[in-house]
Amino acid sequence: MRPLPSGAEGLDWRMTNSLALRIAAGLGFLAVALGAFGAHSLKGLLARNGTAAIWETAVFYQFIHTVMLFILAERTPFQPGPWWSFLIGIVVFSGSLYLLAATNVRWLGAITPVGGISFLVGWAWLIVCHATTAR
């Protein structure tokens, strides 16, 4: 068992429905903020880079999968597998697209499919979870 970070001795680090819900809400807030930031503050940069559509794709996928995080956080029992797959997908897929759009560093596009695979794993996991609980 690894030691807790300094000052965290009394904190419970397990994923709970409540924590999952708060993380999902934070990602929803961030999706709105990043969408507005891209449409307004970064509009000129994204136009120069020709990457506005990439930014919009990142926001879109973040929104959709944030809604799924929220739905999964509300379910009992909590299903951590699909939830974590969607969270990793948001960070890697949308995160790499945000960076690519803002920096125009094209090799970042090579990372994006890893996040897409994480999304697919999450959806497949839900198929399997539902098939085993529907009996």
C-alpha atoms as a PDB file:
ATOM      1  CA  MET A   1       0.000   0.000   0.000  1.00  0.00           C
ATOM      2  CA  ARG A   2       1.484   3.333  -0.989  1.00  0.00           C
ATOM      3  CA  PRO A   3       1.579   6.229   1.463  1.00  0.00           C
ATOM      4  CA  LEU A   4      -0.906   9.070   1.140  1.00  0.00           C
ATOM      5  CA  PRO A   5       0.308  12.451  -0.117  1.00  0.00           C
ATOM      6  CA  SER A   6       1.389  14.855   2.603  1.00  0.00           C
ATOM      7  CA  GLY A   7      -1.608  16.509   4.242  1.00  0.00           C
ATOM      8  CA  ALA A   8      -4.041  13.952   2.787  1.00  0.00           C
ATOM      9  CA  GLU A   9      -4.119  11.472   5.651  1.00  0.00           C
ATOM     10  CA  GLY A  10      -7.824  12.015   6.384  1.00  0.00           C
ATOM     11  CA  LEU A  11      -9.041  12.030   2.776  1.00  0.00           C
ATOM     12  CA  ASP A  12     -10.816   9.095   1.148  1.00  0.00           C
ATOM     13  CA  TRP A  13      -9.344   8.600  -2.353  1.00  0.00           C
ATOM     14  CA  ARG A  14     -11.887   6.020  -3.581  1.00  0.00           C
ATOM     15  CA  MET A  15     -14.065   6.936  -6.540  1.00  0.00           C
ATOM     16  CA  THR A  16     -17.641   7.430  -5.370  1.00  0.00           C
ATOM     17  CA  ASN A  17     -20.779   8.470  -7.201  1.00  0.00           C
ATOM     18  CA  SER A  18     -20.481  11.903  -5.611  1.00  0.00           C
ATOM     19  CA  LEU A  19     -16.866  12.422  -6.651  1.00  0.00           C
ATOM     20  CA  ALA A  20     -17.572  11.082 -10.148  1.00  0.00           C
ATOM     21  CA  LEU A  21     -20.500  13.498 -10.438  1.00  0.00           C
ATOM     22  CA  ARG A  22     -18.379  16.474  -9.340  1.00  0.00           C
ATOM     23  CA  ILE A  23     -15.629  15.585 -11.827  1.00  0.00           C
ATOM     24  CA  ALA A  24     -18.238  15.268 -14.598  1.00  0.00           C
ATOM     25  CA  ALA A  25     -19.727  18.642 -13.654  1.00  0.00           C
ATOM     26  CA  GLY A  26     -16.262  20.195 -13.720  1.00  0.00           C
ATOM     27  CA  LEU A  27     -15.616  18.770 -17.185  1.00  0.00           C
ATOM     28  CA  GLY A  28     -18.981  20.116 -18.348  1.00  0.00           C
ATOM     29  CA  PHE A  29     -18.042  23.551 -17.041  1.00  0.00           C
ATOM     30  CA  LEU A  30     -14.675  23.246 -18.781  1.00  0.00           C
ATOM     31  CA  ALA A  31     -16.325  22.226 -22.073  1.00  0.00           C
ATOM     32  CA  VAL A  32     -18.506  25.348 -22.041  1.00  0.00           C
ATOM     33  CA  ALA A  33     -15.533  27.537 -21.109  1.00  0.00           C
ATOM     34  CA  LEU A  34     -13.274  26.013 -23.788  1.00  0.00           C
ATOM     35  CA  GLY A  35     -16.021  26.293 -26.402  1.00  0.00           C
ATOM     36  CA  ALA A  36     -16.454  29.994 -25.626  1.00  0.00           C
ATOM     37  CA  PHE A  37     -12.686  30.538 -25.402  1.00  0.00           C
ATOM     38  CA  GLY A  38     -12.200  28.970 -28.827  1.00  0.00           C
ATOM     39  CA  ALA A  39     -15.071  30.904 -30.384  1.00  0.00           C
ATOM     40  CA  HIS A  40     -13.965  34.248 -29.001  1.00  0.00           C
ATOM     41  CA  SER A  41     -10.455  34.571 -27.592  1.00  0.00           C
ATOM     42  CA  LEU A  42      -8.802  32.063 -29.919  1.00  0.00           C
ATOM     43  CA  LYS A  43     -10.890  32.832 -32.989  1.00  0.00           C
ATOM     44  CA  GLY A  44      -8.047  34.610 -34.830  1.00  0.00           C
ATOM     45  CA  LEU A  45      -5.412  32.029 -33.906  1.00  0.00           C
ATOM     46  CA  LEU A  46      -7.612  29.106 -34.910  1.00  0.00           C
ATOM     47  CA  ALA A  47      -8.448  30.845 -38.196  1.00  0.00           C
ATOM     48  CA  ARG A  48      -4.737  31.447 -38.942  1.00  0.00           C
ATOM     49  CA  ASN A  49      -3.953  27.818 -38.117  1.00  0.00           C
ATOM     50  CA  GLY A  50      -6.985  26.562 -40.032  1.00  0.00           C
ATOM     51  CA  THR A  51      -7.906  24.521 -36.947  1.00  0.00           C
ATOM     52  CA  ALA A  52     -11.268  25.927 -35.816  1.00  0.00           C
ATOM     53  CA  ALA A  53     -13.047  22.710 -36.840  1.00  0.00           C
ATOM     54  CA  ILE A  54     -10.529  20.678 -34.825  1.00  0.00           C
ATOM     55  CA  TRP A  55     -11.252  22.794 -31.733  1.00  0.00           C
ATOM     56  CA  GLU A  56     -14.995  22.356 -32.287  1.00  0.00           C
ATOM     57  CA  THR A  57     -14.557  18.581 -32.594  1.00  0.00           C
ATOM     58  CA  ALA A  58     -12.661  18.516 -29.285  1.00  0.00           C
ATOM     59  CA  VAL A  59     -15.441  20.467 -27.548  1.00  0.00           C
ATOM     60  CA  PHE A  60     -18.159  18.284 -29.104  1.00  0.00           C
ATOM     61  CA  TYR A  61     -16.580  15.003 -28.008  1.00  0.00           C
ATOM     62  CA  GLN A  62     -15.854  16.412 -24.561  1.00  0.00           C
ATOM     63  CA  PHE A  63     -19.499  17.429 -24.168  1.00  0.00           C
ATOM     64  CA  ILE A  64     -20.934  14.094 -25.277  1.00  0.00           C
ATOM     65  CA  HIS A  65     -18.673  12.043 -23.085  1.00  0.00           C
ATOM     66  CA  THR A  66     -19.067  14.411 -20.141  1.00  0.00           C
ATOM     67  CA  VAL A  67     -22.810  13.755 -20.309  1.00  0.00           C
ATOM     68  CA  MET A  68     -22.013  10.029 -20.197  1.00  0.00           C
ATOM     69  CA  LEU A  69     -19.760  10.573 -17.166  1.00  0.00           C
ATOM     70  CA  PHE A  70     -22.640  12.375 -15.489  1.00  0.00           C
ATOM     71  CA  ILE A  71     -25.129   9.608 -16.326  1.00  0.00           C
ATOM     72  CA  LEU A  72     -22.760   6.903 -15.103  1.00  0.00           C
ATOM     73  CA  ALA A  73     -22.069   8.841 -11.902  1.00  0.00           C
ATOM     74  CA  GLU A  74     -25.796   8.816 -11.154  1.00  0.00           C
ATOM     75  CA  ARG A  75     -26.131   5.042 -11.583  1.00  0.00           C
ATOM     76  CA  THR A  76     -26.093   2.564  -8.751  1.00  0.00           C
ATOM     77  CA  PRO A  77     -23.998   0.546  -8.559  1.00  0.00           C
ATOM     78  CA  PHE A  78     -21.305   2.845  -9.896  1.00  0.00           C
ATOM     79  CA  GLN A  79     -19.518   1.326 -12.904  1.00  0.00           C
ATOM     80  CA  PRO A  80     -15.942   2.606 -12.713  1.00  0.00           C
ATOM     81  CA  GLY A  81     -14.661   0.847 -15.856  1.00  0.00           C
ATOM     82  CA  PRO A  82     -16.687   2.714 -18.482  1.00  0.00           C
ATOM     83  CA  TRP A  83     -16.511   5.919 -16.434  1.00  0.00           C
ATOM     84  CA  TRP A  84     -12.693   5.877 -16.384  1.00  0.00           C
ATOM     85  CA  SER A  85     -12.559   4.930 -20.079  1.00  0.00           C
ATOM     86  CA  PHE A  86     -14.628   7.984 -20.971  1.00  0.00           C
ATOM     87  CA  LEU A  87     -12.581  10.238 -18.685  1.00  0.00           C
ATOM     88  CA  ILE A  88      -9.291   9.038 -20.213  1.00  0.00           C
ATOM     89  CA  GLY A  89     -10.827   9.466 -23.666  1.00  0.00           C
ATOM     90  CA  ILE A  90     -11.767  13.068 -22.904  1.00  0.00           C
ATOM     91  CA  VAL A  91      -8.302  13.902 -21.607  1.00  0.00           C
ATOM     92  CA  VAL A  92      -6.401  12.196 -24.439  1.00  0.00           C
ATOM     93  CA  PHE A  93      -8.768  12.700 -27.418  1.00  0.00           C
ATOM     94  CA  SER A  94     -10.083  16.178 -26.705  1.00  0.00           C
ATOM     95  CA  GLY A  95      -6.896  17.277 -24.952  1.00  0.00           C
ATOM     96  CA  SER A  96      -4.700  16.376 -27.910  1.00  0.00           C
ATOM     97  CA  LEU A  97      -7.101  18.105 -30.304  1.00  0.00           C
ATOM     98  CA  TYR A  98      -7.159  21.262 -28.172  1.00  0.00           C
ATOM     99  CA  LEU A  99      -3.362  21.334 -28.193  1.00  0.00           C
ATOM    100  CA  LEU A 100      -3.170  20.592 -31.905  1.00  0.00           C
ATOM    101  CA  ALA A 101      -5.675  23.335 -32.733  1.00  0.00           C
ATOM    102  CA  ALA A 102      -3.949  25.938 -30.564  1.00  0.00           C
ATOM    103  CA  THR A 103      -0.342  25.098 -31.469  1.00  0.00           C
ATOM    104  CA  ASN A 104      -0.726  23.652 -34.973  1.00  0.00           C
ATOM    105  CA  VAL A 105       1.776  20.954 -33.936  1.00  0.00           C
ATOM    106  CA  ARG A 106       0.526  18.210 -36.241  1.00  0.00           C
ATOM    107  CA  TRP A 107       2.188  15.215 -34.558  1.00  0.00           C
ATOM    108  CA  LEU A 108      -0.295  15.669 -31.708  1.00  0.00           C
ATOM    109  CA  GLY A 109      -2.863  14.177 -34.069  1.00  0.00           C
ATOM    110  CA  ALA A 110      -1.065  10.846 -33.677  1.00  0.00           C
ATOM    111  CA  ILE A 111      -2.092  10.756 -30.001  1.00  0.00           C
ATOM    112  CA  THR A 112      -5.774  11.457 -30.678  1.00  0.00           C
ATOM    113  CA  PRO A 113      -6.718   7.884 -31.750  1.00  0.00           C
ATOM    114  CA  VAL A 114      -5.613   6.570 -28.344  1.00  0.00           C
ATOM    115  CA  GLY A 115      -8.362   8.696 -26.816  1.00  0.00           C
ATOM    116  CA  GLY A 116     -10.778   7.479 -29.470  1.00  0.00           C
ATOM    117  CA  ILE A 117      -9.969   3.891 -28.557  1.00  0.00           C
ATOM    118  CA  SER A 118     -10.631   4.756 -24.928  1.00  0.00           C
ATOM    119  CA  PHE A 119     -14.075   6.072 -25.933  1.00  0.00           C
ATOM    120  CA  LEU A 120     -14.748   2.848 -27.857  1.00  0.00           C
ATOM    121  CA  VAL A 121     -13.670   0.758 -24.863  1.00  0.00           C
ATOM    122  CA  GLY A 122     -16.083   2.712 -22.668  1.00  0.00           C
ATOM    123  CA  TRP A 123     -18.998   2.155 -25.037  1.00  0.00           C
ATOM    124  CA  ALA A 124     -18.140  -1.542 -25.479  1.00  0.00           C
ATOM    125  CA  TRP A 125     -17.856  -1.895 -21.709  1.00  0.00           C
ATOM    126  CA  LEU A 126     -21.375  -0.507 -21.349  1.00  0.00           C
ATOM    127  CA  ILE A 127     -22.646  -3.082 -23.856  1.00  0.00           C
ATOM    128  CA  VAL A 128     -21.058  -5.868 -21.829  1.00  0.00           C
ATOM    129  CA  CYS A 129     -22.189  -4.415 -18.467  1.00  0.00           C
ATOM    130  CA  HIS A 130     -25.753  -4.065 -19.682  1.00  0.00           C
ATOM    131  CA  ALA A 131     -25.781  -7.560 -21.191  1.00  0.00           C
ATOM    132  CA  THR A 132     -24.651  -9.097 -17.898  1.00  0.00           C
ATOM    133  CA  THR A 133     -27.047  -7.058 -15.718  1.00  0.00           C
ATOM    134  CA  ALA A 134     -30.103  -7.481 -17.991  1.00  0.00           C
ATOM    135  CA  ARG A 135     -30.417 -11.195 -17.188  1.00  0.00           C
END
